[in-house]
Amino acid sequence: MNNAISKALQQRWNDRVAWIKSATFSAAENAQTKQLRLAKAQKDYAYFVQTYFPHLAKKPSAFFHIKAANYLAKNTETRALFEWARGHAKSSHLSLMI
Protein backbone atom coordinates (compact mmCIF):
# COMPACT_ATOMS: atom_id res chain seq x y z
CA MET A 1 0.00 0.00 0.00
CA ASN A 2 1.20 3.47 -0.85
CA ASN A 3 2.65 5.34 2.17
CA ALA A 4 0.49 8.42 1.51
CA ILE A 5 -2.64 6.24 1.40
CA SER A 6 -1.57 4.46 4.57
CA LYS A 7 -1.11 7.80 6.38
CA ALA A 8 -4.49 9.01 5.11
CA LEU A 9 -6.21 5.84 6.32
CA GLN A 10 -4.51 6.13 9.72
CA GLN A 11 -5.67 9.73 10.00
CA ARG A 12 -9.24 8.74 9.10
CA TRP A 13 -9.10 6.06 11.80
CA ASN A 14 -7.74 8.52 14.38
CA ASP A 15 -10.42 11.06 13.47
CA ARG A 16 -13.14 8.41 13.81
CA VAL A 17 -11.85 7.30 17.22
CA ALA A 18 -11.73 10.90 18.44
CA TRP A 19 -15.27 11.51 17.16
CA ILE A 20 -16.65 8.41 18.90
CA LYS A 21 -14.93 9.32 22.15
CA SER A 22 -16.27 12.86 22.03
CA ALA A 23 -19.81 11.62 21.34
CA THR A 24 -20.04 9.24 24.28
CA PHE A 25 -18.24 9.85 27.55
CA SER A 26 -16.77 12.56 29.67
CA ALA A 27 -13.09 12.32 30.49
CA ALA A 28 -14.02 13.38 34.02
CA GLU A 29 -16.03 10.19 34.65
CA ASN A 30 -14.96 8.53 37.91
CA ALA A 31 -14.27 4.81 38.35
CA GLN A 32 -17.53 4.12 40.22
CA THR A 33 -19.67 5.78 37.54
CA LYS A 34 -17.79 3.88 34.86
CA GLN A 35 -18.38 0.54 36.62
CA LEU A 36 -22.10 1.30 37.00
CA ARG A 37 -22.33 2.22 33.31
CA LEU A 38 -20.54 -0.96 32.25
CA ALA A 39 -22.69 -3.17 34.48
CA LYS A 40 -25.89 -1.64 33.12
CA ALA A 41 -24.69 -1.96 29.52
CA GLN A 42 -23.95 -5.67 30.03
CA LYS A 43 -27.54 -6.30 31.20
CA ASP A 44 -29.55 -3.89 29.05
CA TYR A 45 -29.00 -4.07 25.28
CA ALA A 46 -31.01 -0.93 24.51
CA TYR A 47 -28.90 1.04 27.01
CA PHE A 48 -25.72 -0.46 25.53
CA VAL A 49 -26.68 0.68 22.03
CA GLN A 50 -27.81 4.13 23.17
CA THR A 51 -24.66 4.64 25.25
CA TYR A 52 -21.93 3.24 23.01
CA PHE A 53 -23.36 3.67 19.51
CA PRO A 54 -25.32 6.93 19.39
CA HIS A 55 -23.58 7.73 16.10
CA LEU A 56 -25.03 4.56 14.50
CA ALA A 57 -28.37 4.19 16.28
CA LYS A 58 -30.23 7.38 15.55
CA LYS A 59 -33.47 5.86 16.91
CA PRO A 60 -34.13 3.71 19.99
CA SER A 61 -33.68 -0.04 19.64
CA ALA A 62 -36.84 -1.86 18.61
CA PHE A 63 -38.21 -4.85 20.54
CA PHE A 64 -36.88 -7.21 17.85
CA HIS A 65 -33.35 -5.78 18.15
CA ILE A 66 -33.43 -6.43 21.90
CA LYS A 67 -34.98 -9.88 21.45
CA ALA A 68 -32.29 -10.87 18.92
CA ALA A 69 -29.48 -9.59 21.14
CA ASN A 70 -30.82 -11.45 24.19
CA TYR A 71 -31.29 -14.64 22.16
CA LEU A 72 -27.75 -14.51 20.77
CA ALA A 73 -26.28 -13.73 24.20
CA LYS A 74 -27.97 -16.81 25.69
CA ASN A 75 -27.32 -19.10 22.70
CA THR A 76 -23.67 -18.58 21.83
CA GLU A 77 -23.39 -21.79 19.78
CA THR A 78 -26.32 -21.07 17.48
CA ARG A 79 -26.95 -20.39 13.83
CA ALA A 80 -29.72 -17.93 13.25
CA LEU A 81 -31.50 -16.14 10.46
CA PHE A 82 -33.14 -12.82 11.22
CA GLU A 83 -35.55 -11.39 8.67
CA TRP A 84 -36.15 -7.71 9.28
CA ALA A 85 -37.53 -5.25 6.77
CA ARG A 86 -35.23 -3.08 4.73
CA GLY A 87 -33.99 -0.15 6.76
CA HIS A 88 -34.47 -1.85 10.14
CA ALA A 89 -30.75 -1.81 10.96
CA LYS A 90 -29.94 -5.48 10.40
CA SER A 91 -26.32 -4.80 9.50
CA SER A 92 -25.78 -2.29 12.27
CA HIS A 93 -27.19 -4.46 15.02
CA LEU A 94 -26.18 -7.95 13.90
CA SER A 95 -22.78 -7.17 12.44
CA LEU A 96 -21.54 -4.32 14.59
CA MET A 97 -23.32 -3.99 17.90
CA ILE A 98 -24.35 -7.52 18.86
PDB file of N, CA and C in Angstrom:
ATOM      1  N   MET A   1       0.846  -1.182   0.000  1.00  0.00           N
ATOM      2  CA  MET A   1       0.000   0.000   0.000  1.00  0.00           C
ATOM      3  C   MET A   1       0.887   1.239   0.000  1.00  0.00           C
ATOM      4  N   ASN A   2       0.499   2.205  -0.754  1.00  0.00           N
ATOM      5  CA  ASN A   2       1.202   3.466  -0.853  1.00  0.00           C
ATOM      6  C   ASN A   2       1.280   4.131   0.528  1.00  0.00           C
ATOM      7  N   ASN A   3       2.438   4.707   0.860  1.00  0.00           N
ATOM      8  CA  ASN A   3       2.646   5.338   2.171  1.00  0.00           C
ATOM      9  C   ASN A   3       1.691   6.502   2.405  1.00  0.00           C
ATOM     10  N   ALA A   4       1.416   7.296   1.375  1.00  0.00           N
ATOM     11  CA  ALA A   4       0.489   8.421   1.513  1.00  0.00           C
ATOM     12  C   ALA A   4      -0.923   7.919   1.809  1.00  0.00           C
ATOM     13  N   ILE A   5      -1.316   6.837   1.156  1.00  0.00           N
ATOM     14  CA  ILE A   5      -2.637   6.244   1.400  1.00  0.00           C
ATOM     15  C   ILE A   5      -2.695   5.692   2.817  1.00  0.00           C
ATOM     16  N   SER A   6      -1.633   5.023   3.228  1.00  0.00           N
ATOM     17  CA  SER A   6      -1.566   4.461   4.574  1.00  0.00           C
ATOM     18  C   SER A   6      -1.709   5.556   5.629  1.00  0.00           C
ATOM     19  N   LYS A   7      -1.019   6.666   5.439  1.00  0.00           N
ATOM     20  CA  LYS A   7      -1.115   7.797   6.379  1.00  0.00           C
ATOM     21  C   LYS A   7      -2.518   8.383   6.380  1.00  0.00           C
ATOM     22  N   ALA A   8      -3.125   8.473   5.211  1.00  0.00           N
ATOM     23  CA  ALA A   8      -4.488   9.014   5.110  1.00  0.00           C
ATOM     24  C   ALA A   8      -5.484   8.098   5.816  1.00  0.00           C
ATOM     25  N   LEU A   9      -5.324   6.787   5.639  1.00  0.00           N
ATOM     26  CA  LEU A   9      -6.207   5.842   6.322  1.00  0.00           C
ATOM     27  C   LEU A   9      -6.022   5.897   7.832  1.00  0.00           C
ATOM     28  N   GLN A  10      -4.778   6.012   8.283  1.00  0.00           N
ATOM     29  CA  GLN A  10      -4.511   6.125   9.722  1.00  0.00           C
ATOM     30  C   GLN A  10      -5.143   7.395  10.284  1.00  0.00           C
ATOM     31  N   GLN A  11      -5.063   8.478   9.541  1.00  0.00           N
ATOM     32  CA  GLN A  11      -5.666   9.732  10.001  1.00  0.00           C
ATOM     33  C   GLN A  11      -7.189   9.621  10.059  1.00  0.00           C
ATOM     34  N   ARG A  12      -7.784   8.964   9.064  1.00  0.00           N
ATOM     35  CA  ARG A  12      -9.240   8.745   9.101  1.00  0.00           C
ATOM     36  C   ARG A  12      -9.629   7.933  10.328  1.00  0.00           C
ATOM     37  N   TRP A  13      -8.836   6.892  10.613  1.00  0.00           N
ATOM     38  CA  TRP A  13      -9.101   6.062  11.797  1.00  0.00           C
ATOM     39  C   TRP A  13      -8.984   6.901  13.074  1.00  0.00           C
ATOM     40  N   ASN A  14      -7.924   7.675  13.198  1.00  0.00           N
ATOM     41  CA  ASN A  14      -7.742   8.520  14.383  1.00  0.00           C
ATOM     42  C   ASN A  14      -8.872   9.528  14.537  1.00  0.00           C
ATOM     43  N   ASP A  15      -9.303  10.110  13.437  1.00  0.00           N
ATOM     44  CA  ASP A  15     -10.419  11.060  13.472  1.00  0.00           C
ATOM     45  C   ASP A  15     -11.702  10.376  13.925  1.00  0.00           C
ATOM     46  N   ARG A  16     -11.935   9.170  13.434  1.00  0.00           N
ATOM     47  CA  ARG A  16     -13.140   8.409  13.810  1.00  0.00           C
ATOM     48  C   ARG A  16     -13.117   8.066  15.298  1.00  0.00           C
ATOM     49  N   VAL A  17     -11.986   7.623  15.798  1.00  0.00           N
ATOM     50  CA  VAL A  17     -11.853   7.297  17.219  1.00  0.00           C
ATOM     51  C   VAL A  17     -12.100   8.541  18.066  1.00  0.00           C
ATOM     52  N   ALA A  18     -11.526   9.652  17.696  1.00  0.00           N
ATOM     53  CA  ALA A  18     -11.732  10.899  18.445  1.00  0.00           C
ATOM     54  C   ALA A  18     -13.198  11.315  18.427  1.00  0.00           C
ATOM     55  N   TRP A  19     -13.850  11.156  17.278  1.00  0.00           N
ATOM     56  CA  TRP A  19     -15.272  11.511  17.163  1.00  0.00           C
ATOM     57  C   TRP A  19     -16.128  10.632  18.061  1.00  0.00           C
ATOM     58  N   ILE A  20     -15.871   9.334  18.058  1.00  0.00           N
ATOM     59  CA  ILE A  20     -16.645   8.411  18.895  1.00  0.00           C
ATOM     60  C   ILE A  20     -16.436   8.735  20.370  1.00  0.00           C
ATOM     61  N   LYS A  21     -15.206   8.972  20.757  1.00  0.00           N
ATOM     62  CA  LYS A  21     -14.934   9.318  22.153  1.00  0.00           C
ATOM     63  C   LYS A  21     -15.642  10.606  22.551  1.00  0.00           C
ATOM     64  N   SER A  22     -15.644  11.584  21.694  1.00  0.00           N
ATOM     65  CA  SER A  22     -16.269  12.860  22.026  1.00  0.00           C
ATOM     66  C   SER A  22     -17.786  12.752  22.094  1.00  0.00           C
ATOM     67  N   ALA A  23     -18.355  11.768  21.399  1.00  0.00           N
ATOM     68  CA  ALA A  23     -19.808  11.623  21.344  1.00  0.00           C
ATOM     69  C   ALA A  23     -20.365  10.785  22.483  1.00  0.00           C
ATOM     70  N   THR A  24     -19.509  10.178  23.307  1.00  0.00           N
ATOM     71  CA  THR A  24     -20.040   9.243  24.275  1.00  0.00           C
ATOM     72  C   THR A  24     -19.772   9.584  25.735  1.00  0.00           C
ATOM     73  N   PHE A  25     -18.541   9.751  26.132  1.00  0.00           N
ATOM     74  CA  PHE A  25     -18.244   9.845  27.551  1.00  0.00           C
ATOM     75  C   PHE A  25     -17.407  11.055  27.908  1.00  0.00           C
ATOM     76  N   SER A  26     -17.560  11.452  29.140  1.00  0.00           N
ATOM     77  CA  SER A  26     -16.773  12.557  29.674  1.00  0.00           C
ATOM     78  C   SER A  26     -15.456  12.009  30.210  1.00  0.00           C
ATOM     79  N   ALA A  27     -14.392  12.728  29.969  1.00  0.00           N
ATOM     80  CA  ALA A  27     -13.089  12.321  30.489  1.00  0.00           C
ATOM     81  C   ALA A  27     -13.060  12.419  32.009  1.00  0.00           C
ATOM     82  N   ALA A  28     -13.988  13.181  32.576  1.00  0.00           N
ATOM     83  CA  ALA A  28     -14.025  13.384  34.023  1.00  0.00           C
ATOM     84  C   ALA A  28     -14.804  12.288  34.751  1.00  0.00           C
ATOM     85  N   GLU A  29     -15.258  11.272  34.041  1.00  0.00           N
ATOM     86  CA  GLU A  29     -16.032  10.193  34.648  1.00  0.00           C
ATOM     87  C   GLU A  29     -15.174   9.456  35.682  1.00  0.00           C
ATOM     88  N   ASN A  30     -15.732   9.240  36.882  1.00  0.00           N
ATOM     89  CA  ASN A  30     -14.960   8.532  37.908  1.00  0.00           C
ATOM     90  C   ASN A  30     -15.122   7.023  37.760  1.00  0.00           C
ATOM     91  N   ALA A  31     -14.301   6.269  38.480  1.00  0.00           N
ATOM     92  CA  ALA A  31     -14.273   4.808  38.355  1.00  0.00           C
ATOM     93  C   ALA A  31     -15.604   4.173  38.747  1.00  0.00           C
ATOM     94  N   GLN A  32     -16.256   4.700  39.774  1.00  0.00           N
ATOM     95  CA  GLN A  32     -17.530   4.118  40.217  1.00  0.00           C
ATOM     96  C   GLN A  32     -18.609   4.320  39.158  1.00  0.00           C
ATOM     97  N   THR A  33     -18.692   5.507  38.590  1.00  0.00           N
ATOM     98  CA  THR A  33     -19.673   5.783  37.542  1.00  0.00           C
ATOM     99  C   THR A  33     -19.416   4.903  36.328  1.00  0.00           C
ATOM    100  N   LYS A  34     -18.149   4.725  35.993  1.00  0.00           N
ATOM    101  CA  LYS A  34     -17.791   3.879  34.861  1.00  0.00           C
ATOM    102  C   LYS A  34     -18.231   2.437  35.109  1.00  0.00           C
ATOM    103  N   GLN A  35     -17.983   1.912  36.303  1.00  0.00           N
ATOM    104  CA  GLN A  35     -18.376   0.542  36.621  1.00  0.00           C
ATOM    105  C   GLN A  35     -19.892   0.369  36.567  1.00  0.00           C
ATOM    106  N   LEU A  36     -20.637   1.359  37.049  1.00  0.00           N
ATOM    107  CA  LEU A  36     -22.101   1.297  36.996  1.00  0.00           C
ATOM    108  C   LEU A  36     -22.588   1.299  35.547  1.00  0.00           C
ATOM    109  N   ARG A  37     -21.966   2.147  34.726  1.00  0.00           N
ATOM    110  CA  ARG A  37     -22.328   2.219  33.307  1.00  0.00           C
ATOM    111  C   ARG A  37     -22.049   0.896  32.616  1.00  0.00           C
ATOM    112  N   LEU A  38     -20.890   0.311  32.869  1.00  0.00           N
ATOM    113  CA  LEU A  38     -20.540  -0.964  32.249  1.00  0.00           C
ATOM    114  C   LEU A  38     -21.477  -2.080  32.693  1.00  0.00           C
ATOM    115  N   ALA A  39     -21.792  -2.124  33.971  1.00  0.00           N
ATOM    116  CA  ALA A  39     -22.694  -3.170  34.485  1.00  0.00           C
ATOM    117  C   ALA A  39     -24.074  -3.056  33.857  1.00  0.00           C
ATOM    118  N   LYS A  40     -24.566  -1.834  33.731  1.00  0.00           N
ATOM    119  CA  LYS A  40     -25.891  -1.638  33.121  1.00  0.00           C
ATOM    120  C   LYS A  40     -25.865  -2.012  31.635  1.00  0.00           C
ATOM    121  N   ALA A  41     -24.800  -1.656  30.957  1.00  0.00           N
ATOM    122  CA  ALA A  41     -24.685  -1.962  29.525  1.00  0.00           C
ATOM    123  C   ALA A  41     -24.621  -3.461  29.273  1.00  0.00           C
ATOM    124  N   GLN A  42     -24.035  -4.213  30.191  1.00  0.00           N
ATOM    125  CA  GLN A  42     -23.954  -5.665  30.034  1.00  0.00           C
ATOM    126  C   GLN A  42     -25.303  -6.337  30.219  1.00  0.00           C
ATOM    127  N   LYS A  43     -26.221  -5.708  30.925  1.00  0.00           N
ATOM    128  CA  LYS A  43     -27.535  -6.301  31.198  1.00  0.00           C
ATOM    129  C   LYS A  43     -28.647  -5.761  30.308  1.00  0.00           C
ATOM    130  N   ASP A  44     -28.473  -4.579  29.767  1.00  0.00           N
ATOM    131  CA  ASP A  44     -29.547  -3.886  29.046  1.00  0.00           C
ATOM    132  C   ASP A  44     -29.055  -3.508  27.642  1.00  0.00           C
ATOM    133  N   TYR A  45     -29.472  -4.294  26.638  1.00  0.00           N
ATOM    134  CA  TYR A  45     -28.997  -4.072  25.276  1.00  0.00           C
ATOM    135  C   TYR A  45     -29.374  -2.693  24.740  1.00  0.00           C
ATOM    136  N   ALA A  46     -30.579  -2.247  25.004  1.00  0.00           N
ATOM    137  CA  ALA A  46     -31.006  -0.928  24.511  1.00  0.00           C
ATOM    138  C   ALA A  46     -30.120   0.175  25.091  1.00  0.00           C
ATOM    139  N   TYR A  47     -29.792   0.064  26.369  1.00  0.00           N
ATOM    140  CA  TYR A  47     -28.898   1.036  27.012  1.00  0.00           C
ATOM    141  C   TYR A  47     -27.506   0.961  26.390  1.00  0.00           C
ATOM    142  N   PHE A  48     -27.027  -0.259  26.161  1.00  0.00           N
ATOM    143  CA  PHE A  48     -25.722  -0.462  25.530  1.00  0.00           C
ATOM    144  C   PHE A  48     -25.654   0.263  24.182  1.00  0.00           C
ATOM    145  N   VAL A  49     -26.659   0.055  23.355  1.00  0.00           N
ATOM    146  CA  VAL A  49     -26.683   0.684  22.029  1.00  0.00           C
ATOM    147  C   VAL A  49     -26.747   2.203  22.155  1.00  0.00           C
ATOM    148  N   GLN A  50     -27.630   2.684  22.987  1.00  0.00           N
ATOM    149  CA  GLN A  50     -27.814   4.127  23.174  1.00  0.00           C
ATOM    150  C   GLN A  50     -26.540   4.777  23.713  1.00  0.00           C
ATOM    151  N   THR A  51     -25.840   4.086  24.606  1.00  0.00           N
ATOM    152  CA  THR A  51     -24.658   4.643  25.248  1.00  0.00           C
ATOM    153  C   THR A  51     -23.418   4.585  24.373  1.00  0.00           C
ATOM    154  N   TYR A  52     -23.175   3.449  23.745  1.00  0.00           N
ATOM    155  CA  TYR A  52     -21.930   3.241  23.015  1.00  0.00           C
ATOM    156  C   TYR A  52     -22.017   3.489  21.513  1.00  0.00           C
ATOM    157  N   PHE A  53     -23.212   3.508  20.951  1.00  0.00           N
ATOM    158  CA  PHE A  53     -23.359   3.667  19.506  1.00  0.00           C
ATOM    159  C   PHE A  53     -24.366   4.753  19.117  1.00  0.00           C
ATOM    160  N   PRO A  54     -24.350   5.904  19.760  1.00  0.00           N
ATOM    161  CA  PRO A  54     -25.324   6.935  19.385  1.00  0.00           C
ATOM    162  C   PRO A  54     -25.108   7.445  17.959  1.00  0.00           C
ATOM    163  N   HIS A  55     -23.898   7.297  17.454  1.00  0.00           N
ATOM    164  CA  HIS A  55     -23.575   7.731  16.096  1.00  0.00           C
ATOM    165  C   HIS A  55     -24.140   6.777  15.044  1.00  0.00           C
ATOM    166  N   LEU A  56     -24.446   5.524  15.438  1.00  0.00           N
ATOM    167  CA  LEU A  56     -25.031   4.559  14.504  1.00  0.00           C
ATOM    168  C   LEU A  56     -26.533   4.424  14.707  1.00  0.00           C
ATOM    169  N   ALA A  57     -26.953   4.398  15.956  1.00  0.00           N
ATOM    170  CA  ALA A  57     -28.367   4.188  16.282  1.00  0.00           C
ATOM    171  C   ALA A  57     -29.036   5.540  16.508  1.00  0.00           C
ATOM    172  N   LYS A  58     -29.593   6.057  15.460  1.00  0.00           N
ATOM    173  CA  LYS A  58     -30.234   7.377  15.546  1.00  0.00           C
ATOM    174  C   LYS A  58     -31.612   7.295  16.190  1.00  0.00           C
ATOM    175  N   LYS A  59     -32.163   6.082  16.283  1.00  0.00           N
ATOM    176  CA  LYS A  59     -33.473   5.858  16.907  1.00  0.00           C
ATOM    177  C   LYS A  59     -33.313   4.797  17.979  1.00  0.00           C
ATOM    178  N   PRO A  60     -34.224   4.747  18.946  1.00  0.00           N
ATOM    179  CA  PRO A  60     -34.129   3.714  19.992  1.00  0.00           C
ATOM    180  C   PRO A  60     -34.228   2.305  19.402  1.00  0.00           C
ATOM    181  N   SER A  61     -33.616   1.360  20.081  1.00  0.00           N
ATOM    182  CA  SER A  61     -33.681  -0.035  19.640  1.00  0.00           C
ATOM    183  C   SER A  61     -35.115  -0.538  19.692  1.00  0.00           C
ATOM    184  N   ALA A  62     -35.504  -1.273  18.665  1.00  0.00           N
ATOM    185  CA  ALA A  62     -36.841  -1.860  18.610  1.00  0.00           C
ATOM    186  C   ALA A  62     -36.871  -3.141  19.430  1.00  0.00           C
ATOM    187  N   PHE A  63     -38.075  -3.623  19.740  1.00  0.00           N
ATOM    188  CA  PHE A  63     -38.211  -4.846  20.536  1.00  0.00           C
ATOM    189  C   PHE A  63     -37.501  -6.017  19.880  1.00  0.00           C
ATOM    190  N   PHE A  64     -37.509  -6.089  18.534  1.00  0.00           N
ATOM    191  CA  PHE A  64     -36.876  -7.210  17.845  1.00  0.00           C
ATOM    192  C   PHE A  64     -35.360  -7.119  17.879  1.00  0.00           C
ATOM    193  N   HIS A  65     -34.798  -5.914  17.976  1.00  0.00           N
ATOM    194  CA  HIS A  65     -33.350  -5.776  18.154  1.00  0.00           C
ATOM    195  C   HIS A  65     -32.950  -6.359  19.512  1.00  0.00           C
ATOM    196  N   ILE A  66     -33.708  -5.985  20.529  1.00  0.00           N
ATOM    197  CA  ILE A  66     -33.435  -6.432  21.895  1.00  0.00           C
ATOM    198  C   ILE A  66     -33.628  -7.940  22.013  1.00  0.00           C
ATOM    199  N   LYS A  67     -34.699  -8.443  21.411  1.00  0.00           N
ATOM    200  CA  LYS A  67     -34.984  -9.884  21.451  1.00  0.00           C
ATOM    201  C   LYS A  67     -33.851 -10.671  20.773  1.00  0.00           C
ATOM    202  N   ALA A  68     -33.385 -10.201  19.634  1.00  0.00           N
ATOM    203  CA  ALA A  68     -32.291 -10.872  18.924  1.00  0.00           C
ATOM    204  C   ALA A  68     -31.007 -10.839  19.750  1.00  0.00           C
ATOM    205  N   ALA A  69     -30.693  -9.709  20.331  1.00  0.00           N
ATOM    206  CA  ALA A  69     -29.481  -9.586  21.144  1.00  0.00           C
ATOM    207  C   ALA A  69     -29.536 -10.521  22.344  1.00  0.00           C
ATOM    208  N   ASN A  70     -30.666 -10.563  23.022  1.00  0.00           N
ATOM    209  CA  ASN A  70     -30.819 -11.446  24.185  1.00  0.00           C
ATOM    210  C   ASN A  70     -30.724 -12.918  23.771  1.00  0.00           C
ATOM    211  N   TYR A  71     -31.351 -13.260  22.658  1.00  0.00           N
ATOM    212  CA  TYR A  71     -31.289 -14.638  22.162  1.00  0.00           C
ATOM    213  C   TYR A  71     -29.839 -15.041  21.870  1.00  0.00           C
ATOM    214  N   LEU A  72     -29.124 -14.187  21.142  1.00  0.00           N
ATOM    215  CA  LEU A  72     -27.747 -14.507  20.768  1.00  0.00           C
ATOM    216  C   LEU A  72     -26.813 -14.537  21.980  1.00  0.00           C
ATOM    217  N   ALA A  73     -27.091 -13.717  22.980  1.00  0.00           N
ATOM    218  CA  ALA A  73     -26.276 -13.733  24.200  1.00  0.00           C
ATOM    219  C   ALA A  73     -26.455 -15.040  24.963  1.00  0.00           C
ATOM    220  N   LYS A  74     -27.678 -15.571  24.955  1.00  0.00           N
ATOM    221  CA  LYS A  74     -27.967 -16.808  25.686  1.00  0.00           C
ATOM    222  C   LYS A  74     -27.607 -18.058  24.889  1.00  0.00           C
ATOM    223  N   ASN A  75     -27.570 -17.951  23.582  1.00  0.00           N
ATOM    224  CA  ASN A  75     -27.322 -19.099  22.700  1.00  0.00           C
ATOM    225  C   ASN A  75     -26.075 -18.837  21.865  1.00  0.00           C
ATOM    226  N   THR A  76     -24.926 -18.946  22.496  1.00  0.00           N
ATOM    227  CA  THR A  76     -23.674 -18.576  21.829  1.00  0.00           C
ATOM    228  C   THR A  76     -23.245 -19.556  20.744  1.00  0.00           C
ATOM    229  N   GLU A  77     -23.758 -20.769  20.775  1.00  0.00           N
ATOM    230  CA  GLU A  77     -23.391 -21.789  19.783  1.00  0.00           C
ATOM    231  C   GLU A  77     -24.539 -22.009  18.793  1.00  0.00           C
ATOM    232  N   THR A  78     -25.151 -20.946  18.341  1.00  0.00           N
ATOM    233  CA  THR A  78     -26.316 -21.071  17.477  1.00  0.00           C
ATOM    234  C   THR A  78     -26.031 -20.558  16.073  1.00  0.00           C
ATOM    235  N   ARG A  79     -26.883 -20.982  15.172  1.00  0.00           N
ATOM    236  CA  ARG A  79     -26.948 -20.395  13.831  1.00  0.00           C
ATOM    237  C   ARG A  79     -28.337 -19.803  13.751  1.00  0.00           C
ATOM    238  N   ALA A  80     -28.423 -18.603  13.264  1.00  0.00           N
ATOM    239  CA  ALA A  80     -29.721 -17.935  13.247  1.00  0.00           C
ATOM    240  C   ALA A  80     -29.896 -17.151  11.956  1.00  0.00           C
ATOM    241  N   LEU A  81     -31.136 -16.959  11.607  1.00  0.00           N
ATOM    242  CA  LEU A  81     -31.504 -16.140  10.464  1.00  0.00           C
ATOM    243  C   LEU A  81     -32.530 -15.137  10.951  1.00  0.00           C
ATOM    244  N   PHE A  82     -32.221 -13.872  10.800  1.00  0.00           N
ATOM    245  CA  PHE A  82     -33.139 -12.815  11.217  1.00  0.00           C
ATOM    246  C   PHE A  82     -33.639 -12.093   9.978  1.00  0.00           C
ATOM    247  N   GLU A  83     -34.940 -12.071   9.812  1.00  0.00           N
ATOM    248  CA  GLU A  83     -35.548 -11.388   8.671  1.00  0.00           C
ATOM    249  C   GLU A  83     -36.231 -10.121   9.165  1.00  0.00           C
ATOM    250  N   TRP A  84     -35.590  -9.011   8.924  1.00  0.00           N
ATOM    251  CA  TRP A  84     -36.149  -7.711   9.279  1.00  0.00           C
ATOM    252  C   TRP A  84     -36.312  -6.918   7.988  1.00  0.00           C
ATOM    253  N   ALA A  85     -37.270  -6.059   7.969  1.00  0.00           N
ATOM    254  CA  ALA A  85     -37.532  -5.254   6.772  1.00  0.00           C
ATOM    255  C   ALA A  85     -36.332  -4.369   6.434  1.00  0.00           C
ATOM    256  N   ARG A  86     -36.284  -3.987   5.190  1.00  0.00           N
ATOM    257  CA  ARG A  86     -35.227  -3.084   4.725  1.00  0.00           C
ATOM    258  C   ARG A  86     -35.252  -1.807   5.561  1.00  0.00           C
ATOM    259  N   GLY A  87     -34.080  -1.378   5.984  1.00  0.00           N
ATOM    260  CA  GLY A  87     -33.985  -0.147   6.761  1.00  0.00           C
ATOM    261  C   GLY A  87     -34.180  -0.337   8.260  1.00  0.00           C
ATOM    262  N   HIS A  88     -34.272  -1.594   8.713  1.00  0.00           N
ATOM    263  CA  HIS A  88     -34.465  -1.850  10.140  1.00  0.00           C
ATOM    264  C   HIS A  88     -33.169  -2.196  10.857  1.00  0.00           C
ATOM    265  N   ALA A  89     -32.064  -1.755  10.320  1.00  0.00           N
ATOM    266  CA  ALA A  89     -30.748  -1.811  10.956  1.00  0.00           C
ATOM    267  C   ALA A  89     -30.216  -3.220  11.197  1.00  0.00           C
ATOM    268  N   LYS A  90     -30.469  -4.119  10.269  1.00  0.00           N
ATOM    269  CA  LYS A  90     -29.937  -5.483  10.401  1.00  0.00           C
ATOM    270  C   LYS A  90     -28.413  -5.465  10.483  1.00  0.00           C
ATOM    271  N   SER A  91     -27.791  -4.823   9.540  1.00  0.00           N
ATOM    272  CA  SER A  91     -26.323  -4.798   9.502  1.00  0.00           C
ATOM    273  C   SER A  91     -25.744  -4.116  10.729  1.00  0.00           C
ATOM    274  N   SER A  92     -26.310  -3.014  11.111  1.00  0.00           N
ATOM    275  CA  SER A  92     -25.778  -2.287  12.270  1.00  0.00           C
ATOM    276  C   SER A  92     -25.874  -3.121  13.539  1.00  0.00           C
ATOM    277  N   HIS A  93     -27.022  -3.696  13.792  1.00  0.00           N
ATOM    278  CA  HIS A  93     -27.195  -4.462  15.025  1.00  0.00           C
ATOM    279  C   HIS A  93     -26.481  -5.809  14.973  1.00  0.00           C
ATOM    280  N   LEU A  94     -26.724  -6.590  13.932  1.00  0.00           N
ATOM    281  CA  LEU A  94     -26.184  -7.945  13.896  1.00  0.00           C
ATOM    282  C   LEU A  94     -24.697  -8.007  13.603  1.00  0.00           C
ATOM    283  N   SER A  95     -24.193  -7.111  12.798  1.00  0.00           N
ATOM    284  CA  SER A  95     -22.777  -7.169  12.436  1.00  0.00           C
ATOM    285  C   SER A  95     -21.886  -6.330  13.339  1.00  0.00           C
ATOM    286  N   LEU A  96     -22.396  -5.232  13.842  1.00  0.00           N
ATOM    287  CA  LEU A  96     -21.538  -4.318  14.586  1.00  0.00           C
ATOM    288  C   LEU A  96     -21.782  -4.329  16.092  1.00  0.00           C
ATOM    289  N   MET A  97     -23.036  -4.192  16.483  1.00  0.00           N
ATOM    290  CA  MET A  97     -23.321  -3.988  17.898  1.00  0.00           C
ATOM    291  C   MET A  97     -23.464  -5.287  18.687  1.00  0.00           C
ATOM    292  N   ILE A  98     -24.194  -6.252  18.144  1.00  0.00           N
ATOM    293  CA  ILE A  98     -24.348  -7.524  18.860  1.00  0.00           C
ATOM    294  C   ILE A  98     -23.033  -8.277  18.760  1.00  0.00           C
TER     295      ILE A  98
END
